[in-house]
Amino acid sequence: MDAFNGILKFLLHQKTVIGYSFMALLTLGSERLFSLVAFRCPCSSQNTVYGLVFLFAPAWVLLILGFFLNSRSWRLFTGCCVNPRKIFPRGHGRRFFHVLGQITLSSLVAPTMWLSVALLNGTFYECAMSGTKSAGLLGLICKDKPKECWAELHKVSCGKTSMPAMDSEELKLSLQAQSQILGWCLICSASLFSLLTTCCARCRSKVSYLQLNFWKTYAQKEKEQLENAFVDYASKLSERNLKSFFENKRPEVFPMPTFAAWEAASELHCFHQSQQHYSTLHRVVEGRPELNPEEDETTIVLVGSAHDA
């Protein structure tokens, strides 16, 4: 039992690495599936467009999904049209761009993995480059090759050129080699950029290494317990309302956070050394904000809107 708990604890501590490894395997499998099942280079003047679409369209979709599935995106933008101060609070206007940058960097992981795997495979790049009409690129690709290369390069991917089989195969291998070189350049650049941004963030950290680890542990535990509390309180409230409805009785008083407290707890967290609050919720329960008349009016409008709906 102790060995099992040790393994489980190790896996929990390495969940970020495991998550990225799973994402890499999923990306690799998806790319192979696209290449074998969906991708068919037309071997015509449409090669460039077709190849680039298969190379960049999935990356764009993964980027959008990264923003969409990141809970911090919705925490950042929810209600910002009603109250712009939520994303540009007084004294912390730059915080919005800092958090948006973090969301963007995390959302770029999956697209970068896709582009890296696709370039290392070389199929999409080969198709795209074989359809180029640029005289400069054609000169580089068809250098020391038969003159037919200039007119029939788009047929290389299908092996239907009138060039000797050896020249056609050399062209394919050359294009795939270029793709793989670009893939490794992208991987090295992304790795270096990730290292530099991590080092920069740690160098500018306002807390020590041990306190930062404690902060991360607290944030994870608070998130887990908050989700459990949502389920628990929602169940109790729905049970009370159903009981009141079917028994035709007035409902019992059910303590709930005020509208101002919900708003304050949904704000972006900003750490202050003078006030060691490890989350927005931590700051809210220490401060206990009270409703002012403007917030009362907002609450009434919200309730009225809910009844109208």
Protein backbone atom coordinates (compact mmCIF):
# COMPACT_ATOMS: atom_id res chain seq x y z
CA MET A 1 0.00 0.00 0.00
CA ASP A 2 2.85 2.38 0.85
CA ALA A 3 4.48 1.63 -2.52
CA PHE A 4 1.21 2.41 -4.32
CA ASN A 5 0.84 5.70 -2.43
CA GLY A 6 4.43 6.56 -3.31
CA ILE A 7 3.83 5.91 -7.02
CA LEU A 8 0.59 7.92 -6.92
CA LYS A 9 2.33 10.83 -5.20
CA PHE A 10 5.13 10.76 -7.79
CA LEU A 11 2.62 10.79 -10.66
CA LEU A 12 0.75 13.72 -9.09
CA HIS A 13 3.98 15.68 -8.75
CA GLN A 14 4.88 14.94 -12.39
CA LYS A 15 1.40 15.56 -13.82
CA THR A 16 2.59 18.51 -15.93
CA VAL A 17 5.28 16.40 -17.61
CA ILE A 18 2.83 13.52 -18.04
CA GLY A 19 0.24 15.89 -19.51
CA TYR A 20 2.67 17.31 -22.06
CA SER A 21 3.90 13.81 -22.94
CA PHE A 22 0.32 12.66 -23.53
CA MET A 23 -0.30 15.76 -25.65
CA ALA A 24 2.80 15.00 -27.72
CA LEU A 25 1.67 11.39 -28.31
CA LEU A 26 -1.83 12.56 -29.20
CA THR A 27 -0.40 15.11 -31.65
CA LEU A 28 1.84 12.49 -33.23
CA GLY A 29 -1.08 10.10 -33.65
CA SER A 30 -3.32 12.80 -35.10
CA GLU A 31 -0.67 13.87 -37.60
CA ARG A 32 -0.11 10.30 -38.78
CA LEU A 33 -3.87 9.80 -39.10
CA PHE A 34 -4.19 12.98 -41.19
CA SER A 35 -1.27 11.95 -43.40
CA LEU A 36 -2.54 8.42 -44.05
CA VAL A 37 -6.30 8.95 -44.22
CA ALA A 38 -7.19 12.53 -45.14
CA PHE A 39 -4.15 13.95 -46.95
CA ARG A 40 -3.94 13.49 -50.73
CA CYS A 41 -1.59 15.92 -52.49
CA PRO A 42 -3.37 16.97 -55.73
CA CYS A 43 -0.10 17.18 -57.72
CA SER A 44 -1.33 20.28 -59.51
CA SER A 45 -1.08 24.05 -59.24
CA GLN A 46 -3.05 23.77 -55.97
CA ASN A 47 -0.21 21.97 -54.16
CA THR A 48 0.97 25.03 -52.24
CA VAL A 49 -2.44 26.02 -50.91
CA TYR A 50 -3.38 22.42 -50.11
CA GLY A 51 -0.13 21.67 -48.29
CA LEU A 52 -0.14 24.90 -46.29
CA VAL A 53 -3.76 24.40 -45.22
CA PHE A 54 -2.96 20.96 -43.82
CA LEU A 55 0.15 22.36 -42.15
CA PHE A 56 -1.31 25.46 -40.50
CA ALA A 57 -5.10 24.96 -40.23
CA PRO A 58 -4.88 22.26 -37.50
CA ALA A 59 -2.38 24.45 -35.63
CA TRP A 60 -4.82 27.37 -35.77
CA VAL A 61 -7.68 25.16 -34.50
CA LEU A 62 -5.49 23.91 -31.64
CA LEU A 63 -4.63 27.51 -30.73
CA ILE A 64 -8.32 28.47 -30.59
CA LEU A 65 -9.09 25.37 -28.51
CA GLY A 66 -6.23 26.29 -26.19
CA PHE A 67 -7.85 29.67 -25.49
CA PHE A 68 -11.31 28.15 -25.30
CA LEU A 69 -10.41 25.38 -22.82
CA ASN A 70 -8.27 27.59 -20.57
CA SER A 71 -10.38 28.57 -17.57
CA ARG A 72 -8.25 31.69 -17.03
CA SER A 73 -9.49 33.03 -20.39
CA TRP A 74 -13.08 33.10 -19.15
CA ARG A 75 -12.05 34.41 -15.75
CA LEU A 76 -10.30 37.24 -17.57
CA PHE A 77 -13.09 38.18 -19.99
CA THR A 78 -16.35 37.29 -18.18
CA GLY A 79 -18.28 40.51 -17.56
CA CYS A 80 -15.58 42.76 -19.03
CA CYS A 81 -18.07 44.46 -21.40
CA VAL A 82 -20.32 45.38 -18.44
CA ASN A 83 -17.45 46.46 -16.21
CA PRO A 84 -14.11 47.12 -18.01
CA ARG A 85 -12.49 47.64 -14.60
CA LYS A 86 -12.45 43.87 -14.24
CA ILE A 87 -9.64 43.56 -16.76
CA PHE A 88 -8.08 46.97 -16.11
CA PRO A 89 -8.31 47.44 -12.32
CA ARG A 90 -7.00 50.66 -10.81
CA GLY A 91 -3.28 50.45 -10.26
CA HIS A 92 -2.96 47.09 -12.06
CA GLY A 93 -3.70 47.94 -15.70
CA ARG A 94 -0.72 45.93 -16.96
CA ARG A 95 -1.97 42.82 -15.18
CA PHE A 96 -4.39 42.11 -18.06
CA PHE A 97 -1.58 41.89 -20.63
CA HIS A 98 0.54 39.79 -18.26
CA VAL A 99 -2.23 37.22 -17.78
CA LEU A 100 -3.17 37.30 -21.48
CA GLY A 101 0.47 36.59 -22.33
CA GLN A 102 0.49 33.60 -19.97
CA ILE A 103 -2.72 32.25 -21.52
CA THR A 104 -1.31 32.73 -25.02
CA LEU A 105 1.96 30.95 -24.20
CA SER A 106 0.14 27.96 -22.71
CA SER A 107 -2.22 27.86 -25.71
CA LEU A 108 0.75 27.84 -28.12
CA VAL A 109 2.07 24.52 -26.80
CA ALA A 110 -0.28 22.28 -28.80
CA PRO A 111 0.07 24.22 -32.11
CA THR A 112 3.85 24.17 -31.76
CA MET A 113 3.78 20.42 -31.19
CA TRP A 114 1.61 19.95 -34.27
CA LEU A 115 3.88 22.06 -36.49
CA SER A 116 6.97 20.27 -35.17
CA VAL A 117 5.57 16.80 -35.82
CA ALA A 118 4.17 17.78 -39.23
CA LEU A 119 7.49 19.29 -40.32
CA LEU A 120 9.47 16.30 -39.08
CA ASN A 121 7.22 14.03 -41.12
CA GLY A 122 7.70 16.25 -44.17
CA THR A 123 4.61 15.22 -46.15
CA PHE A 124 2.72 18.53 -45.95
CA TYR A 125 5.81 20.66 -46.58
CA GLU A 126 6.83 18.52 -49.54
CA CYS A 127 3.43 18.99 -51.17
CA ALA A 128 3.36 22.73 -50.44
CA MET A 129 6.85 23.45 -51.77
CA SER A 130 6.41 21.31 -54.87
CA GLY A 131 3.66 23.68 -56.02
CA THR A 132 5.68 26.89 -55.72
CA LYS A 133 5.74 29.34 -58.63
CA SER A 134 8.56 31.47 -57.22
CA ALA A 135 11.50 31.64 -59.63
CA GLY A 136 13.91 31.98 -56.72
CA LEU A 137 12.63 28.89 -54.91
CA LEU A 138 12.44 26.92 -58.14
CA GLY A 139 16.05 27.81 -58.86
CA LEU A 140 17.14 26.52 -55.44
CA ILE A 141 15.07 23.34 -55.58
CA CYS A 142 15.83 22.45 -59.21
CA LYS A 143 19.53 23.32 -59.09
CA ASP A 144 21.62 20.69 -60.94
CA LYS A 145 18.42 18.87 -61.90
CA PRO A 146 16.94 18.19 -65.39
CA LYS A 147 15.13 21.09 -67.07
CA GLU A 148 11.83 19.21 -66.67
CA CYS A 149 12.04 19.97 -62.95
CA TRP A 150 10.92 23.57 -63.54
CA ALA A 151 7.70 22.51 -65.25
CA GLU A 152 6.94 19.24 -63.46
CA LEU A 153 7.96 19.90 -59.86
CA HIS A 154 4.30 19.75 -58.77
CA LYS A 155 4.18 16.10 -59.95
CA VAL A 156 7.12 14.97 -57.80
CA SER A 157 4.93 14.08 -54.80
CA CYS A 158 2.95 11.66 -56.96
CA GLY A 159 5.98 10.25 -58.80
CA LYS A 160 4.45 11.07 -62.19
CA THR A 161 7.22 13.21 -63.66
CA SER A 162 9.08 12.48 -66.89
CA MET A 163 12.38 12.91 -65.03
CA PRO A 164 14.53 9.87 -64.21
CA ALA A 165 13.34 8.04 -61.11
CA MET A 166 16.60 8.85 -59.29
CA ASP A 167 16.23 12.61 -59.83
CA SER A 168 12.58 12.53 -58.77
CA GLU A 169 13.45 10.62 -55.58
CA GLU A 170 16.30 13.05 -54.83
CA LEU A 171 13.89 15.97 -55.11
CA LYS A 172 11.44 14.32 -52.69
CA LEU A 173 14.21 13.55 -50.20
CA SER A 174 15.55 17.10 -50.52
CA LEU A 175 12.15 18.65 -49.74
CA GLN A 176 11.61 16.28 -46.82
CA ALA A 177 15.09 17.13 -45.49
CA GLN A 178 14.27 20.84 -45.63
CA SER A 179 11.04 20.17 -43.74
CA GLN A 180 12.83 18.19 -41.03
CA ILE A 181 15.48 20.90 -40.63
CA LEU A 182 12.71 23.47 -40.12
CA GLY A 183 11.01 21.12 -37.65
CA TRP A 184 14.13 20.77 -35.52
CA CYS A 185 14.76 24.52 -35.71
CA LEU A 186 11.22 25.10 -34.41
CA ILE A 187 11.68 22.59 -31.58
CA CYS A 188 15.02 24.12 -30.53
CA SER A 189 13.64 27.67 -30.72
CA ALA A 190 10.53 26.78 -28.72
CA SER A 191 12.63 24.97 -26.08
CA LEU A 192 15.03 27.91 -25.74
CA PHE A 193 12.17 30.42 -25.57
CA SER A 194 10.43 28.32 -22.90
CA LEU A 195 13.63 28.15 -20.85
CA LEU A 196 14.24 31.90 -21.13
CA THR A 197 10.67 32.87 -20.20
CA THR A 198 10.74 30.47 -17.21
CA CYS A 199 14.08 31.85 -16.04
CA CYS A 200 12.84 35.42 -16.45
CA ALA A 201 9.65 34.69 -14.49
CA ARG A 202 11.60 33.01 -11.68
CA CYS A 203 14.16 35.81 -11.54
CA ARG A 204 11.37 38.38 -11.15
CA SER A 205 9.51 36.30 -8.55
CA LYS A 206 8.46 38.21 -5.44
CA VAL A 207 8.59 35.07 -3.28
CA SER A 208 11.24 32.49 -2.43
CA TYR A 209 11.49 29.01 -3.94
CA LEU A 210 9.88 27.29 -0.92
CA GLN A 211 7.07 29.84 -0.67
CA LEU A 212 6.41 29.50 -4.40
CA ASN A 213 6.06 25.72 -3.99
CA PHE A 214 3.69 26.27 -1.07
CA TRP A 215 1.71 28.75 -3.18
CA LYS A 216 1.32 26.21 -5.99
CA THR A 217 0.24 23.50 -3.54
CA TYR A 218 -2.27 25.84 -1.92
CA ALA A 219 -3.70 26.95 -5.27
CA GLN A 220 -4.19 23.33 -6.37
CA LYS A 221 -5.84 22.30 -3.10
CA GLU A 222 -8.09 25.35 -3.11
CA LYS A 223 -9.19 24.62 -6.68
CA GLU A 224 -10.04 21.00 -5.82
CA GLN A 225 -11.93 21.91 -2.65
CA LEU A 226 -13.73 24.79 -4.36
CA GLU A 227 -15.07 22.44 -7.04
CA ASN A 228 -16.23 20.02 -4.34
CA ALA A 229 -17.85 22.90 -2.43
CA PHE A 230 -19.73 24.00 -5.57
CA VAL A 231 -21.20 20.52 -5.95
CA ASP A 232 -22.00 20.24 -2.23
CA TYR A 233 -23.67 23.66 -1.86
CA ALA A 234 -25.50 23.38 -5.18
CA SER A 235 -26.91 20.01 -4.10
CA LYS A 236 -28.01 21.38 -0.74
CA LEU A 237 -29.62 24.46 -2.32
CA SER A 238 -31.45 22.46 -4.99
CA GLU A 239 -32.61 19.98 -2.34
CA ARG A 240 -33.95 22.83 -0.19
CA ASN A 241 -35.78 24.44 -3.12
CA LEU A 242 -37.35 21.17 -4.28
CA LYS A 243 -38.45 20.34 -0.74
CA SER A 244 -39.99 23.79 -0.35
CA PHE A 245 -41.78 23.49 -3.71
CA PHE A 246 -43.28 20.04 -3.22
CA GLU A 247 -44.18 20.55 0.46
CA ASN A 248 -45.58 24.02 -0.25
CA LYS A 249 -43.55 25.60 2.56
CA ARG A 250 -41.43 28.69 2.80
CA PRO A 251 -37.76 27.82 2.22
CA GLU A 252 -35.31 27.87 5.08
CA VAL A 253 -32.66 30.58 5.14
CA PHE A 254 -29.67 29.44 3.11
CA PRO A 255 -26.41 31.37 3.60
CA MET A 256 -24.80 32.40 0.31
CA PRO A 257 -22.02 34.82 -0.65
CA THR A 258 -23.14 38.33 -1.59
CA PHE A 259 -23.03 39.53 -5.18
CA ALA A 260 -20.04 41.72 -4.29
CA ALA A 261 -18.25 38.70 -2.81
CA TRP A 262 -18.82 36.66 -5.99
CA GLU A 263 -17.47 39.55 -8.06
CA ALA A 264 -14.43 40.03 -5.84
CA ALA A 265 -13.62 36.31 -5.76
CA SER A 266 -13.72 36.19 -9.59
CA GLU A 267 -11.07 38.89 -10.03
CA LEU A 268 -7.52 38.15 -11.15
CA HIS A 269 -5.13 37.56 -8.30
CA CYS A 270 -2.22 39.92 -7.71
CA PHE A 271 0.29 39.03 -4.99
CA HIS A 272 1.43 41.70 -2.50
CA GLN A 273 4.30 41.07 -0.12
CA SER A 274 2.63 43.21 2.55
CA GLN A 275 -0.51 41.05 2.38
CA GLN A 276 0.37 37.41 1.82
CA HIS A 277 -2.84 36.29 0.18
CA TYR A 278 -2.26 33.21 -1.96
CA SER A 279 -5.40 33.57 -4.06
CA THR A 280 -8.23 35.95 -4.77
CA LEU A 281 -10.50 33.88 -2.53
CA HIS A 282 -7.93 34.14 0.27
CA ARG A 283 -7.97 37.92 -0.07
CA VAL A 284 -11.76 38.05 -0.13
CA VAL A 285 -12.27 36.05 3.06
CA GLU A 286 -9.65 38.18 4.83
CA GLY A 287 -11.24 41.43 3.67
CA ARG A 288 -14.95 40.51 3.49
CA PRO A 289 -16.07 43.27 1.04
CA GLU A 290 -19.46 44.82 1.68
CA LEU A 291 -22.11 45.75 -0.86
CA ASN A 292 -22.36 49.42 -1.75
CA PRO A 293 -25.49 51.02 -3.30
CA GLU A 294 -24.13 50.65 -6.84
CA GLU A 295 -23.54 46.93 -6.30
CA ASP A 296 -27.04 46.60 -4.78
CA GLU A 297 -28.45 48.07 -7.97
CA THR A 298 -26.39 45.63 -10.05
CA THR A 299 -27.77 42.76 -7.99
CA ILE A 300 -31.35 43.91 -8.57
CA VAL A 301 -30.77 44.21 -12.30
CA LEU A 302 -29.25 40.72 -12.38
CA VAL A 303 -32.17 39.19 -10.50
CA GLY A 304 -34.65 41.01 -12.66
CA SER A 305 -32.94 39.81 -15.80
CA ALA A 306 -33.01 36.26 -14.52
CA HIS A 307 -36.76 36.46 -13.87
CA ASP A 308 -37.36 37.96 -17.32
CA ALA A 309 -35.44 35.08 -18.90
